[in-house]
């Protein structure tokens, strides 16, 4: 089987581990909240983790069903061009204007539908794509179109969506494989080079325009979005690419640590759980974990600055399911009960 045409240093399986600090306090909770920086930090360069110091603090606002959310499982967050935030939950889709939530109902000749939303993406033509447990929805204006396996999708449960830099929509149907939507048609992919696609949890695109299909067992690299050139990327222990940062670094989730690879420079940060990661406006990093809550870290000189954020009620552990950094630099995170 061929190897991806990427530098050796980019493959985390080819680098030794480093052992910095680690924190673990597992719990679970349910919310969607926004974090706003109150002190401005300095630009970040990835370095080896050093003893912790107290970082700048962020303010936390929290919203639940008590504030108008349709349901407390926040699986997807997306900002629309008009500035509104869309929030996908198991109780449907809602729009947030900064003050209140408005549920966006889907009503047709069969009546009112309550869609269990898993993923969201904005199409190149302005269409809103909505992944649900029962198919893929396309919303244009107030009209909805429903796509199912009968239309060429590999499965009904749409776990992840991604619109790449070429405007192509990529669709994960979890363990059933993934698909590409282009030119009005779906192309399903269930195996590559005779190897079956395992559970596709997410997609990520790097600065070169290559797409990564992230799976429970390794990853598939698709150069320039060309499926005919797709290649498996394997390591002794599969890693999940979680971020390609503005400085060109690749961040991977390795079990209970997060690794940054940039050329020949490899750094490891001990952060609990399977990471969901975003870069904030000040070049700091947010890491959402499976059961251990939310962490923010940055680098100040030779010192790694890390803070773990608890909920307003003091609970430190919860499951982070989705993340979005809006146009104003606020970081939003959705969790699941």
Protein backbone atom coordinates (compact mmCIF):
# COMPACT_ATOMS: atom_id res chain seq x y z
CA UNK A 1 0.00 0.00 0.00
CA UNK A 2 1.41 3.39 -0.95
CA UNK A 3 2.52 6.00 1.56
CA UNK A 4 1.18 9.55 1.56
CA UNK A 5 3.30 12.19 -0.11
CA UNK A 6 3.85 14.18 3.08
CA UNK A 7 7.05 14.99 4.97
CA UNK A 8 8.11 12.30 7.43
CA UNK A 9 7.99 14.80 10.25
CA UNK A 10 4.29 15.37 9.57
CA UNK A 11 3.44 11.77 10.45
CA UNK A 12 3.12 11.65 14.28
CA UNK A 13 3.62 7.88 14.35
CA UNK A 14 7.27 8.44 13.39
CA UNK A 15 8.11 10.59 16.42
CA UNK A 16 8.87 9.61 20.04
CA UNK A 17 6.63 10.75 22.86
CA UNK A 18 7.56 13.43 25.37
CA UNK A 19 6.15 13.34 28.90
CA UNK A 20 4.97 16.67 30.29
CA UNK A 21 2.18 17.43 32.81
CA UNK A 22 -1.22 15.78 32.97
CA UNK A 23 -4.49 16.54 34.79
CA UNK A 24 -7.44 14.16 35.16
CA UNK A 25 -10.83 14.68 36.86
CA UNK A 26 -13.58 12.89 34.88
CA UNK A 27 -17.22 14.09 35.01
CA UNK A 28 -20.01 14.95 32.52
CA UNK A 29 -22.42 17.92 32.04
CA UNK A 30 -24.54 19.66 29.41
CA UNK A 31 -24.32 23.21 28.03
CA UNK A 32 -23.37 25.62 25.33
CA UNK A 33 -21.25 28.58 26.39
CA UNK A 34 -19.08 31.35 25.03
CA UNK A 35 -15.67 32.37 26.31
CA UNK A 36 -14.45 35.94 25.91
CA UNK A 37 -10.86 36.94 26.68
CA UNK A 38 -10.51 39.60 29.36
CA UNK A 39 -6.71 39.90 29.11
CA UNK A 40 -4.88 39.88 25.79
CA UNK A 41 -2.05 37.36 25.38
CA UNK A 42 1.02 37.35 23.16
CA UNK A 43 1.59 35.37 19.91
CA UNK A 44 2.28 31.66 20.33
CA UNK A 45 5.18 29.51 19.22
CA UNK A 46 4.92 25.80 20.10
CA UNK A 47 7.60 24.79 22.60
CA UNK A 48 8.30 22.00 25.07
CA UNK A 49 5.97 22.11 28.08
CA UNK A 50 7.50 23.78 31.14
CA UNK A 51 6.18 24.24 34.73
CA UNK A 52 2.73 25.82 34.73
CA UNK A 53 2.05 29.46 35.53
CA UNK A 54 -1.27 31.25 36.00
CA UNK A 55 -2.63 32.28 32.56
CA UNK A 56 -4.85 35.18 31.60
CA UNK A 57 -8.47 34.48 32.50
CA UNK A 58 -11.55 34.35 30.28
CA UNK A 59 -15.14 35.17 31.16
CA UNK A 60 -17.67 32.36 30.74
CA UNK A 61 -21.34 32.67 29.80
CA UNK A 62 -23.54 29.58 29.80
CA UNK A 63 -26.84 28.74 28.09
CA UNK A 64 -29.09 25.67 28.47
CA UNK A 65 -32.75 24.84 27.84
CA UNK A 66 -33.59 27.25 30.66
CA UNK A 67 -32.41 30.00 28.30
CA UNK A 68 -34.23 28.74 25.19
CA UNK A 69 -32.07 25.97 23.77
CA UNK A 70 -34.34 23.34 22.22
CA UNK A 71 -32.37 20.54 23.91
CA UNK A 72 -29.20 20.22 25.99
CA UNK A 73 -27.13 18.07 23.61
CA UNK A 74 -25.22 20.58 21.52
CA UNK A 75 -23.64 18.57 18.71
CA UNK A 76 -22.81 21.30 16.17
CA UNK A 77 -22.21 25.05 16.06
CA UNK A 78 -21.89 27.24 12.96
CA UNK A 79 -21.81 30.99 12.33
CA UNK A 80 -23.74 32.19 9.28
CA UNK A 81 -22.64 35.09 7.05
CA UNK A 82 -25.25 37.35 8.70
CA UNK A 83 -23.52 36.83 12.05
CA UNK A 84 -26.15 34.58 13.66
CA UNK A 85 -25.00 31.39 15.35
CA UNK A 86 -26.75 28.13 14.48
CA UNK A 87 -26.81 25.39 17.10
CA UNK A 88 -27.66 21.78 16.27
CA UNK A 89 -29.14 19.62 19.04
CA UNK A 90 -31.07 16.38 19.42
CA UNK A 91 -34.13 18.64 19.71
CA UNK A 92 -33.57 20.35 16.39
CA UNK A 93 -31.85 23.44 15.04
CA UNK A 94 -31.83 26.87 16.71
CA UNK A 95 -30.58 30.33 15.78
CA UNK A 96 -28.94 32.54 18.41
CA UNK A 97 -28.83 36.34 18.03
CA UNK A 98 -26.69 36.99 21.11
CA UNK A 99 -29.73 37.33 23.35
CA UNK A 100 -32.21 34.57 22.62
CA UNK A 101 -32.62 31.30 20.72
CA UNK A 102 -35.18 30.83 17.95
CA UNK A 103 -35.98 27.25 16.94
CA UNK A 104 -35.90 26.73 13.16
CA UNK A 105 -38.71 24.27 12.56
CA UNK A 106 -38.95 21.96 9.56
CA UNK A 107 -42.57 21.64 8.48
CA UNK A 108 -43.87 19.97 5.32
CA UNK A 109 -46.93 18.07 4.12
CA UNK A 110 -46.12 15.30 6.60
CA UNK A 111 -46.23 17.77 9.50
CA UNK A 112 -43.65 19.14 11.89
CA UNK A 113 -40.30 17.35 12.15
CA UNK A 114 -37.93 17.36 15.13
CA UNK A 115 -34.57 16.47 13.62
CA UNK A 116 -31.78 15.03 15.75
CA UNK A 117 -28.96 17.20 14.40
CA UNK A 118 -25.41 15.85 14.43
CA UNK A 119 -23.46 18.18 12.09
CA UNK A 120 -23.66 21.45 10.16
CA UNK A 121 -21.88 23.01 7.18
CA UNK A 122 -22.36 26.06 4.95
CA UNK A 123 -22.26 25.31 1.23
CA UNK A 124 -20.40 27.37 -1.34
CA UNK A 125 -23.77 28.46 -2.77
CA UNK A 126 -25.08 29.57 0.63
CA UNK A 127 -27.07 26.40 1.29
CA UNK A 128 -27.13 25.13 4.84
CA UNK A 129 -26.31 21.41 5.09
CA UNK A 130 -27.65 19.64 8.16
CA UNK A 131 -26.56 16.14 9.14
CA UNK A 132 -29.10 14.19 11.16
CA UNK A 133 -29.63 10.67 12.44
CA UNK A 134 -32.08 10.07 9.59
CA UNK A 135 -30.38 11.59 6.56
CA UNK A 136 -28.89 14.78 5.15
CA UNK A 137 -30.92 17.99 4.89
CA UNK A 138 -30.26 20.92 2.59
CA UNK A 139 -31.88 24.20 3.62
CA UNK A 140 -32.27 26.99 1.06
CA UNK A 141 -34.29 29.89 2.35
CA UNK A 142 -37.08 28.23 4.29
CA UNK A 143 -37.20 25.13 2.04
CA UNK A 144 -35.68 21.77 2.93
CA UNK A 145 -34.56 18.85 0.79
CA UNK A 146 -33.91 15.45 2.38
CA UNK A 147 -31.25 13.06 1.05
CA UNK A 148 -30.98 9.42 2.12
CA UNK A 149 -29.15 6.27 0.92
CA UNK A 150 -31.72 6.11 -1.88
CA UNK A 151 -30.06 9.27 -3.26
CA UNK A 152 -26.57 7.79 -3.09
CA UNK A 153 -25.48 8.39 0.51
CA UNK A 154 -23.60 5.48 2.14
CA UNK A 155 -25.79 5.61 5.26
CA UNK A 156 -28.49 7.59 7.06
CA UNK A 157 -26.60 8.81 10.14
CA UNK A 158 -24.60 11.86 9.06
CA UNK A 159 -21.88 12.29 11.68
CA UNK A 160 -19.70 15.00 10.10
CA UNK A 161 -19.81 17.53 7.25
CA UNK A 162 -17.06 19.59 5.65
CA UNK A 163 -17.04 22.00 2.70
CA UNK A 164 -13.52 22.17 1.33
CA UNK A 165 -11.69 25.10 -0.28
CA UNK A 166 -12.93 23.97 -3.71
CA UNK A 167 -16.57 24.09 -2.58
CA UNK A 168 -17.00 20.30 -2.47
CA UNK A 169 -19.15 18.89 0.33
CA UNK A 170 -17.79 15.85 2.21
CA UNK A 171 -20.19 13.73 4.23
CA UNK A 172 -19.42 11.15 6.90
CA UNK A 173 -21.96 8.40 7.48
CA UNK A 174 -19.99 7.03 10.43
CA UNK A 175 -19.27 3.32 10.12
CA UNK A 176 -21.00 3.18 6.72
CA UNK A 177 -18.28 5.18 4.99
CA UNK A 178 -18.26 8.68 3.55
CA UNK A 179 -19.35 10.51 0.40
CA UNK A 180 -18.53 13.51 -1.74
CA UNK A 181 -21.22 15.76 -3.18
CA UNK A 182 -20.24 17.58 -6.34
CA UNK A 183 -22.07 18.50 -9.51
CA UNK A 184 -25.42 17.55 -8.00
CA UNK A 185 -24.46 13.92 -7.29
CA UNK A 186 -23.11 11.87 -4.39
CA UNK A 187 -20.11 9.58 -4.73
CA UNK A 188 -19.97 7.09 -1.86
CA UNK A 189 -16.73 5.59 -0.59
CA UNK A 190 -16.76 2.41 1.48
CA UNK A 191 -13.25 1.14 0.77
CA UNK A 192 -9.92 2.34 -0.63
CA UNK A 193 -7.23 0.00 -2.01
CA UNK A 194 -9.32 -2.97 -0.91
CA UNK A 195 -9.43 -1.78 2.71
CA UNK A 196 -12.80 -0.99 4.25
CA UNK A 197 -13.38 2.49 5.65
CA UNK A 198 -13.74 2.40 9.43
CA UNK A 199 -15.80 4.89 11.41
CA UNK A 200 -15.19 8.40 10.00
CA UNK A 201 -15.41 10.84 12.89
CA UNK A 202 -14.42 14.06 11.12
CA UNK A 203 -12.73 15.77 8.18
CA UNK A 204 -9.86 18.24 8.25
CA UNK A 205 -8.24 20.23 5.46
CA UNK A 206 -4.64 21.41 5.55
CA UNK A 207 -3.10 24.52 4.01
CA UNK A 208 -2.12 22.59 0.86
CA UNK A 209 -5.74 21.72 0.14
CA UNK A 210 -5.38 18.06 1.07
CA UNK A 211 -8.31 16.54 2.92
CA UNK A 212 -7.94 14.18 5.88
CA UNK A 213 -10.73 11.70 6.60
CA UNK A 214 -10.22 11.00 10.31
CA UNK A 215 -11.14 7.49 11.45
CA UNK A 216 -11.05 5.32 14.52
CA UNK A 217 -8.24 3.37 12.83
CA UNK A 218 -5.76 5.70 11.15
CA UNK A 219 -6.64 8.32 8.56
CA UNK A 220 -7.10 8.66 4.83
CA UNK A 221 -5.23 11.45 3.05
CA UNK A 222 -6.94 12.79 -0.09
CA UNK A 223 -4.55 15.12 -1.97
CA UNK A 224 -6.37 18.08 -3.52
CA UNK A 225 -9.66 16.32 -2.78
CA UNK A 226 -8.94 13.75 -5.51
CA UNK A 227 -10.36 10.40 -4.39
CA UNK A 228 -8.39 8.54 -7.07
CA UNK A 229 -5.18 9.60 -5.26
CA UNK A 230 -6.41 8.76 -1.75
CA UNK A 231 -3.77 7.10 0.44
CA UNK A 232 -3.82 5.51 3.88
CA UNK A 233 -1.84 7.09 6.67
CA UNK A 234 -1.07 4.56 9.37
CA UNK A 235 0.96 4.50 12.54
CA UNK A 236 1.63 1.98 15.28
CA UNK A 237 -1.07 3.83 17.24
CA UNK A 238 -3.59 5.72 15.13
CA UNK A 239 -3.74 9.46 15.72
CA UNK A 240 -6.46 11.96 14.94
CA UNK A 241 -5.54 15.19 13.21
CA UNK A 242 -7.40 17.84 15.21
CA UNK A 243 -5.99 21.13 13.92
CA UNK A 244 -3.80 22.64 11.23
CA UNK A 245 -2.88 25.98 12.82
CA UNK A 246 -2.19 29.36 11.26
CA UNK A 247 1.56 28.93 11.72
CA UNK A 248 1.50 25.69 9.69
CA UNK A 249 1.70 23.21 12.57
CA UNK A 250 -0.22 19.93 12.61
CA UNK A 251 -1.88 18.95 15.90
CA UNK A 252 -2.76 15.32 16.64
CA UNK A 253 -4.70 13.64 19.41
CA UNK A 254 -2.69 10.70 20.77
CA UNK A 255 -4.80 8.95 23.40
CA UNK A 256 -4.30 11.23 26.43
CA UNK A 257 -1.93 13.76 24.90
CA UNK A 258 -1.89 16.35 22.11
CA UNK A 259 1.09 16.54 19.76
CA UNK A 260 2.16 19.43 17.50
CA UNK A 261 4.36 18.65 14.49
CA UNK A 262 5.98 21.44 12.47
CA UNK A 263 8.79 20.31 10.19
CA UNK A 264 11.27 18.47 12.41
CA UNK A 265 9.93 20.05 15.60
CA UNK A 266 7.64 17.77 17.64
CA UNK A 267 6.08 18.86 20.96
CA UNK A 268 3.69 17.00 23.22
CA UNK A 269 1.17 18.52 25.63
CA UNK A 270 -0.49 16.33 28.25
CA UNK A 271 -4.22 17.02 27.96
CA UNK A 272 -6.80 14.39 29.02
CA UNK A 273 -9.17 12.55 26.73
CA UNK A 274 -9.80 12.63 22.99
CA UNK A 275 -9.27 16.21 21.91
CA UNK A 276 -11.42 18.60 19.95
CA UNK A 277 -9.26 21.63 19.27
CA UNK A 278 -9.57 25.20 17.97
CA UNK A 279 -7.16 28.13 17.75
CA UNK A 280 -8.37 31.43 19.20
CA UNK A 281 -7.88 34.94 17.82
CA UNK A 282 -4.83 35.56 20.02
CA UNK A 283 -3.07 32.34 18.88
CA UNK A 284 -3.89 30.40 22.02
CA UNK A 285 -5.46 26.94 21.83
CA UNK A 286 -8.64 25.49 23.27
CA UNK A 287 -8.85 21.73 23.83
CA UNK A 288 -12.19 20.11 24.57
CA UNK A 289 -12.00 16.60 26.00
CA UNK A 290 -14.22 13.54 26.23
CA UNK A 291 -14.84 13.65 29.99
CA UNK A 292 -12.36 16.07 31.50
CA UNK A 293 -13.77 19.40 30.38
CA UNK A 294 -12.09 22.32 28.68
CA UNK A 295 -8.47 23.51 28.65
CA UNK A 296 -6.80 26.61 27.25
CA UNK A 297 -3.07 26.84 26.73
CA UNK A 298 -0.52 29.15 25.17
CA UNK A 299 3.19 29.80 25.43
CA UNK A 300 4.74 32.76 27.27
CA UNK A 301 8.47 32.82 26.64
CA UNK A 302 9.81 29.45 27.76
CA UNK A 303 6.78 28.67 29.90
CA UNK A 304 3.64 26.76 28.91
CA UNK A 305 0.59 28.49 30.33
CA UNK A 306 -2.36 26.17 30.88
CA UNK A 307 -5.73 26.67 32.53
CA UNK A 308 -8.57 24.24 33.03
CA UNK A 309 -12.01 25.85 32.90
CA UNK A 310 -14.81 24.61 35.15
CA UNK A 311 -18.50 25.30 34.67
CA UNK A 312 -19.99 28.27 36.52
CA UNK A 313 -21.24 25.85 39.20
CA UNK A 314 -17.66 24.67 39.79
CA UNK A 315 -17.78 21.30 38.00
CA UNK A 316 -14.46 20.72 36.19
CA UNK A 317 -15.36 17.69 34.07
CA UNK A 318 -17.74 17.53 31.09
CA UNK A 319 -17.89 16.27 27.52
CA UNK A 320 -17.13 18.79 24.74
CA UNK A 321 -18.91 17.84 21.51
CA UNK A 322 -18.49 20.87 19.25
CA UNK A 323 -16.57 24.12 18.94
CA UNK A 324 -16.59 27.32 16.90
CA UNK A 325 -14.58 30.57 16.97
CA UNK A 326 -16.79 33.39 15.72
CA UNK A 327 -15.90 36.48 13.70
CA UNK A 328 -15.38 38.50 16.90
CA UNK A 329 -12.93 35.98 18.34
CA UNK A 330 -15.33 34.45 20.88
CA UNK A 331 -14.95 30.69 21.33
CA UNK A 332 -18.17 28.67 21.60
CA UNK A 333 -18.37 25.11 22.85
CA UNK A 334 -21.25 22.66 22.86
CA UNK A 335 -21.42 19.71 25.23
CA UNK A 336 -23.60 16.68 25.72
CA UNK A 337 -25.43 15.42 28.82
